[in-house]
Amino acid sequence: LVFEVGANKQSAIRHMSRRELLEEARRASTPLRLQRADGPAARLGADAVLKARDVRKVDPLFAGRLEPVILVRCGSITVSLGRTELRAIILHDRLYFIVPDGADSMLQEVHRNLLL
């Protein structure tokens, strides 16, 4: 379950797989110059974008092994405060807040604070 908040404060609760979240976040965070790059620039850009292992850092299914982490990639910041429920992927125009099972009450609090 992912709580998405856009730059215009539009919010939505979405059911997304890790792969869907990764692909959508990559599309939104990869700068156009890297999307259009060829040769060495494309390879360099591929090293800087969000990776599947980055999304696993915020996946509640891996909660037993989660350590606190802040990952900065090209166009995105991934935040996980360890075994707490605070896990998010931050892009320039949106926030994906990953909601673990049973944390619906926390979702209301996050929604209220983010949309002030």
Foldseek 3Di string as FASTA:
>chain_A
DKWKAWQVRDIDDDDDDLVRVQVVQQVQFQDPCLVPDDDPSVVVSVVQTDDSVLSVLQDVVCLVPHDFDWDHGRQWIWGDHHNDQFTWIDGPTMIITDGDPPCVVVVVVVSVVVND
